[in-house]
Structures are given as C-alpha cells and as structure tokens.
Amino acid sequence: MSGGSHDGHLGKVYDAKSPEDVASLYDNWATTYDQEMAVAGYRHPSICLALLARHLPAGTTPLLDAGAGTGLVGEWLGIVGYTHVDALDISSGMLAVAGKKGVYASLYQAALGSSLPFADDFYGGIISAGVFTSGHVGVEGLEELVRICRPGGVIVMTVKNTLWENGFAADIEVRQAKGQFKLVEETKPYVSMPGETGTVPSLAVVMKIL
C-alpha cells in the first residue's frame, strides 16, 4: 500500500513489493533523484543531521549512513565534523552517484532487514534518513542496526507515522525494556516533502545504545 498519493518515481518506490523491486526502481531513479527531491523540499536529511549533531560528538568514528541513497546526508556530515562515514544502500545505481561525491570512506550494497556485513559494536553512530517508510523497510531493519552500533553510540532515524503506529513504537518499547537502548529524543510529526501533496507525516527518533 502506498504511503500517499504520489506520481512518478516516488509513487513507484512507495508501492514496491520486494527488496528487488526497490533496488531496481532506485537504480532507474539515481541520476535525477537529487534534483527531484530538492524540488519536493525533502527535509529528512537536514532533520537527521541536526539530531545527530545534538547527540553525538563531532569526530566520532566511524559512522554509517544506512540507506545512503545518493549521499544527501553524507555531503554534510564531513562539513560538521564527522570525518569517517561509510555508505550502505540497496541500490547500486544510487551508490554509484554517492561514490562520485567523494564523501564516503567505503560503499556497501545490502538491504536493511537482512544480515549486514559488519562486526558487533562496530559503528560509533548510525544515521538513516527516509528509509523506514512505505514499500522500503519496517521494524525488521532495526535489529541489525542495534547490533552494529557500539554502546554509547546513537542511531538517528526517521520513521513514517503509519509504521510508527503499527508496530514500530511498540518494538521500541520492548527493546528499551530489554536494555538495548534508550530513546533519548522523539520529534513531533512533520511533513518530509512539502512539495509533494500526498506526503504522509513522519517523525524522527534518537536511540542511545546501552
């Protein structure tokens, strides 16, 4: 089910039925993605960046941009003091665009929700903007991110309200009760793409690994 009434590339990726569909659709979108999201007024990257800067000291390394796409967040992380950032994305086409920007130490192609190629407690922080949404990744993508983020590190992510209200918030509560992390900030819902009339609100959260 789509996260709203969207046309073009955006509508197609929200209606994707499998990880393979998501990867293919983003491969086809990669060369025009930055321009189209700029027109849409895409807010997730800037909100995630602000939250990361508030909760994780500059200079913390390494970081993972989980669902990096074309590197919209990665372009800014080095500017504000995060100097070693890896990119992870399901789409080879998006990673190819991100790689040309020269802002990532390494590029990894993998799907969130599957086993990730990193050791336990490897990353000092993880940022994931616009990934936990319709047709993409649900709560099943959280387990591996928690595993690979070290104690004291933070995970900053956006979550579409429809996912948050249908199991994501409950999963966060369970994981907190188990002592995996502490939810240290939860934003109010906001519209991530003001230029897209069908956009369903999202929120952003910060989790500190214990």
Foldseek 3Di string as FASTA:
>chain_A
DAQWDDDDLNRQLLPADDLVSNQVSLLVCQVCVVVVLVLLVFAQLVVLVVVCVVQPPAPFDDEEAEQCFQNPNLVCNVVSHRQEYEYEHQYPNRVVNNVVSVRYPYYYHDAQLDADPAAFQAGQEYEYTPAQHRNHDALSRVPNVLRNHHAQHKYKYKHFPVRCVVPNVVVVVVCVVVQQWDWPDKADWDFRGNNTPTTGTMIMTMIGGD
